[in-house]
Amino acid sequence: MFIPAPHGQLEATFREGDDPVRGAAVFCHPHPLHGGTMHTKAVYRAAQALNESGFDVLRFNFRGVGASTGSYGEGVDEIEDVDAALDWLRARDPRRPILVGGFSFGSLVGLRAGLEADGVRALLALGIPVRMYDFGFLEGAGVPIHVVQGENDEFGPGPEIQEVVESMGAGVTLDRIPGADHYFNGHFEELKVAVKGYVSGGAATAAFPETGA
């Protein structure tokens, strides 16, 4: 499927969540210039966990990836792509509370977009590459934010991420997955458990009540 964007269109896939319905989510993929797409395994598995937790999930390819129009925008123009995805979700059901998530580069873009967007009740970041980008903008955020990080992530190992998250205040929480690298290879089940725990028993739970409709 395709959704409209200012530069043309974004290639996307949408799947409704299991009952009872909890909310809707947009999930962003890793770096476009390093093979990242909406089909990246960690993105797919996180979306699967959200579906199983009652979330409708929209994944999409950033500009210049797959059949999406446009070209790479250095993590700045891609915010516009997230906004387009959010517009599509809101048009489909303006009542539904929204979660924005992303993996690696997608976490940076998704978090930046989600903090400024209407209707977004929680944010989810997988494998934040703190050795490549500054995530200080998360400090004092007004919505719950959860980070899921591999203990052996080469772009931000567990102890380093712990220090970063603690510096951001109580609104940012963390799951460290032992033995996992940046891509969570061999640890996708633990990744799913962490995602489900955040939306079904963690800080984001109250933002997404079960509606059954």
Protein backbone atom coordinates (compact mmCIF):
# COMPACT_ATOMS: atom_id res chain seq x y z
CA MET A 1 0.00 0.00 0.00
CA PHE A 2 0.96 3.64 -0.32
CA ILE A 3 0.23 6.69 1.80
CA PRO A 4 0.50 10.28 0.60
CA ALA A 5 3.55 12.38 1.48
CA PRO A 6 4.60 15.92 0.52
CA HIS A 7 7.21 14.49 -1.89
CA GLY A 8 4.76 11.96 -3.41
CA GLN A 9 4.13 8.71 -1.56
CA LEU A 10 5.46 6.34 1.09
CA GLU A 11 5.44 2.61 0.62
CA ALA A 12 3.81 1.15 3.72
CA THR A 13 2.21 -1.87 5.33
CA PHE A 14 -0.59 -1.79 7.87
CA ARG A 15 -1.86 -4.50 10.16
CA GLU A 16 -4.70 -4.32 12.65
CA GLY A 17 -4.02 -5.41 16.21
CA ASP A 18 -5.52 -8.27 18.14
CA ASP A 19 -8.60 -7.62 20.28
CA PRO A 20 -9.09 -5.84 22.57
CA VAL A 21 -7.98 -2.72 20.72
CA ARG A 22 -5.52 -0.55 22.65
CA GLY A 23 -4.23 2.05 20.21
CA ALA A 24 -2.33 2.66 16.99
CA ALA A 25 1.40 2.80 16.31
CA VAL A 26 3.83 4.09 13.71
CA PHE A 27 7.17 2.28 13.65
CA CYS A 28 10.28 3.60 11.88
CA HIS A 29 13.12 1.61 10.33
CA PRO A 30 16.93 1.95 10.60
CA HIS A 31 19.28 3.93 8.39
CA PRO A 32 18.21 4.08 4.72
CA LEU A 33 21.80 4.16 3.47
CA HIS A 34 22.77 1.03 5.40
CA GLY A 35 20.04 -1.34 4.28
CA GLY A 36 17.30 -0.30 6.67
CA THR A 37 13.71 -0.91 5.52
CA MET A 38 10.31 -1.48 7.07
CA HIS A 39 11.06 -5.21 6.76
CA THR A 40 14.16 -5.12 8.99
CA LYS A 41 13.79 -8.00 11.46
CA ALA A 42 13.81 -5.96 14.67
CA VAL A 43 11.20 -3.60 13.22
CA TYR A 44 9.00 -6.49 12.13
CA ARG A 45 9.28 -8.22 15.51
CA ALA A 46 8.50 -5.05 17.46
CA ALA A 47 5.47 -4.43 15.25
CA GLN A 48 4.39 -8.03 15.82
CA ALA A 49 4.59 -7.53 19.60
CA LEU A 50 2.49 -4.38 19.33
CA ASN A 51 -0.09 -6.16 17.16
CA GLU A 52 -0.32 -8.93 19.73
CA SER A 53 -0.83 -6.26 22.41
CA GLY A 54 -3.83 -4.75 20.63
CA PHE A 55 -2.21 -2.07 18.49
CA ASP A 56 -2.87 -1.32 14.85
CA VAL A 57 0.62 -0.85 13.40
CA LEU A 58 1.77 1.15 10.38
CA ARG A 59 5.28 0.50 9.08
CA PHE A 60 6.63 2.45 6.13
CA ASN A 61 9.74 3.00 4.07
CA PHE A 62 11.40 6.37 4.49
CA ARG A 63 11.81 8.58 1.43
CA GLY A 64 14.05 7.01 -1.20
CA VAL A 65 13.67 3.49 0.18
CA GLY A 66 11.85 0.78 -1.79
CA ALA A 67 8.95 2.31 -3.69
CA SER A 68 8.83 5.47 -1.56
CA THR A 69 9.48 8.64 -3.52
CA GLY A 70 12.00 11.30 -2.57
CA SER A 71 15.60 10.93 -1.41
CA TYR A 72 17.54 10.58 1.82
CA GLY A 73 17.16 13.64 4.05
CA GLU A 74 19.87 13.09 6.69
CA GLY A 75 17.34 12.35 9.45
CA VAL A 76 15.77 15.80 9.16
CA ASP A 77 13.46 15.52 6.17
CA GLU A 78 12.45 12.05 7.37
CA ILE A 79 10.55 13.70 10.23
CA GLU A 80 8.14 14.86 7.55
CA ASP A 81 7.63 11.21 6.58
CA VAL A 82 6.67 10.30 10.14
CA ASP A 83 4.25 13.23 10.17
CA ALA A 84 2.66 11.88 6.97
CA ALA A 85 2.29 8.44 8.56
CA LEU A 86 0.69 9.99 11.64
CA ASP A 87 -1.70 11.99 9.45
CA TRP A 88 -2.78 8.75 7.76
CA LEU A 89 -3.42 7.05 11.11
CA ARG A 90 -5.36 10.01 12.49
CA ALA A 91 -7.51 10.23 9.36
CA ARG A 92 -8.33 6.54 9.72
CA ASP A 93 -9.44 6.91 13.35
CA PRO A 94 -8.94 10.27 15.07
CA ARG A 95 -9.97 8.82 18.46
CA ARG A 96 -7.20 6.26 18.71
CA PRO A 97 -4.24 7.09 21.01
CA ILE A 98 -0.92 6.72 19.20
CA LEU A 99 2.51 5.32 20.00
CA VAL A 100 5.54 6.22 17.87
CA GLY A 101 8.48 3.85 17.81
CA GLY A 102 11.64 3.22 15.88
CA PHE A 103 14.84 1.23 15.66
CA SER A 104 18.33 2.81 15.52
CA PHE A 105 18.20 5.73 13.04
CA GLY A 106 14.43 5.23 13.09
CA SER A 107 14.40 5.78 16.84
CA LEU A 108 16.05 9.19 16.42
CA VAL A 109 13.59 10.28 13.74
CA GLY A 110 10.55 8.74 15.42
CA LEU A 111 11.32 10.27 18.80
CA ARG A 112 11.89 13.73 17.34
CA ALA A 113 8.65 13.58 15.37
CA GLY A 114 6.61 11.97 18.13
CA LEU A 115 7.52 14.54 20.76
CA GLU A 116 5.97 17.28 18.64
CA ALA A 117 2.93 15.43 17.28
CA ASP A 118 -0.68 15.60 18.40
CA GLY A 119 -2.26 12.48 19.81
CA VAL A 120 1.00 10.69 20.60
CA ARG A 121 0.79 9.20 24.10
CA ALA A 122 4.04 7.24 24.31
CA LEU A 123 7.36 6.67 22.54
CA LEU A 124 9.41 3.50 22.07
CA ALA A 125 13.05 3.34 20.97
CA LEU A 126 15.05 0.24 20.09
CA GLY A 127 18.84 0.30 19.88
CA ILE A 128 19.40 4.03 20.26
CA PRO A 129 22.78 4.83 18.68
CA VAL A 130 24.06 7.28 21.28
CA ARG A 131 27.59 7.06 19.91
CA MET A 132 26.34 8.51 16.62
CA TYR A 133 23.59 10.96 17.60
CA ASP A 134 22.71 13.23 20.53
CA PHE A 135 19.53 12.12 22.29
CA GLY A 136 19.61 14.90 24.87
CA PHE A 137 16.39 16.31 23.43
CA LEU A 138 14.52 13.58 25.34
CA GLU A 139 15.26 15.17 28.71
CA GLY A 140 12.08 16.40 30.36
CA ALA A 141 9.79 14.89 27.70
CA GLY A 142 6.10 15.11 28.52
CA VAL A 143 5.22 11.55 27.47
CA PRO A 144 6.54 8.15 28.61
CA ILE A 145 9.58 6.95 26.66
CA HIS A 146 10.97 3.44 26.80
CA VAL A 147 14.33 2.30 25.45
CA VAL A 148 15.12 -1.34 24.64
CA GLN A 149 18.84 -1.88 24.20
CA GLY A 150 21.09 -4.86 23.59
CA GLU A 151 23.67 -5.18 26.33
CA ASN A 152 26.36 -5.58 23.66
CA ASP A 153 25.06 -2.91 21.29
CA GLU A 154 28.08 -1.57 19.44
CA PHE A 155 26.51 1.89 19.12
CA GLY A 156 25.59 2.13 22.81
CA PRO A 157 26.24 -0.79 25.18
CA GLY A 158 24.14 -1.37 28.28
CA PRO A 159 26.17 0.53 30.91
CA GLU A 160 26.55 3.54 28.63
CA ILE A 161 22.84 3.58 27.83
CA GLN A 162 21.99 3.25 31.53
CA GLU A 163 23.93 6.41 32.26
CA VAL A 164 22.30 8.28 29.39
CA VAL A 165 18.78 7.21 30.36
CA GLU A 166 19.28 8.08 34.03
CA SER A 167 20.37 11.58 33.02
CA MET A 168 17.09 12.16 31.20
CA GLY A 169 14.81 11.89 34.24
CA ALA A 170 12.03 9.61 35.42
CA GLY A 171 10.04 9.80 32.18
CA VAL A 172 12.55 7.63 30.31
CA THR A 173 12.80 3.92 31.20
CA LEU A 174 15.08 1.14 29.98
CA ASP A 175 15.20 -2.59 29.27
CA ARG A 176 18.70 -4.04 28.75
CA ILE A 177 18.74 -7.38 26.94
CA PRO A 178 21.71 -9.56 27.98
CA GLY A 179 23.81 -10.88 25.12
CA ALA A 180 22.02 -8.89 22.42
CA ASP A 181 23.85 -6.83 19.80
CA HIS A 182 22.54 -3.74 18.03
CA TYR A 183 20.31 -5.79 15.75
CA PHE A 184 18.95 -8.09 18.51
CA ASN A 185 20.00 -11.13 16.49
CA GLY A 186 19.09 -14.28 18.40
CA HIS A 187 17.14 -12.25 20.95
CA PHE A 188 13.92 -11.34 19.17
CA GLU A 189 11.72 -13.09 21.72
CA GLU A 190 13.27 -11.04 24.53
CA LEU A 191 12.73 -7.94 22.40
CA LYS A 192 9.05 -8.79 22.02
CA VAL A 193 8.69 -9.39 25.75
CA ALA A 194 10.20 -5.96 26.47
CA VAL A 195 7.86 -4.21 24.02
CA LYS A 196 4.80 -5.98 25.40
CA GLY A 197 5.85 -5.20 28.95
CA TYR A 198 6.06 -1.49 28.22
CA VAL A 199 2.57 -1.19 26.74
CA SER A 200 0.86 -3.79 28.93
CA GLY A 201 2.52 -3.42 32.29
CA GLY A 202 4.95 -0.53 32.11
CA ALA A 203 4.82 3.24 32.07
CA ALA A 204 2.73 3.44 28.89
CA THR A 205 -0.08 1.16 30.10
CA ALA A 206 -2.40 3.90 31.33
CA ALA A 207 -2.17 5.75 28.00
CA PHE A 208 -3.66 2.80 26.12
CA PRO A 209 -6.70 1.36 27.93
CA GLU A 210 -8.38 -1.68 26.46
CA THR A 211 -11.43 -0.52 24.51
CA GLY A 212 -12.68 -3.69 22.88
CA ALA A 213 -13.88 -1.57 19.95
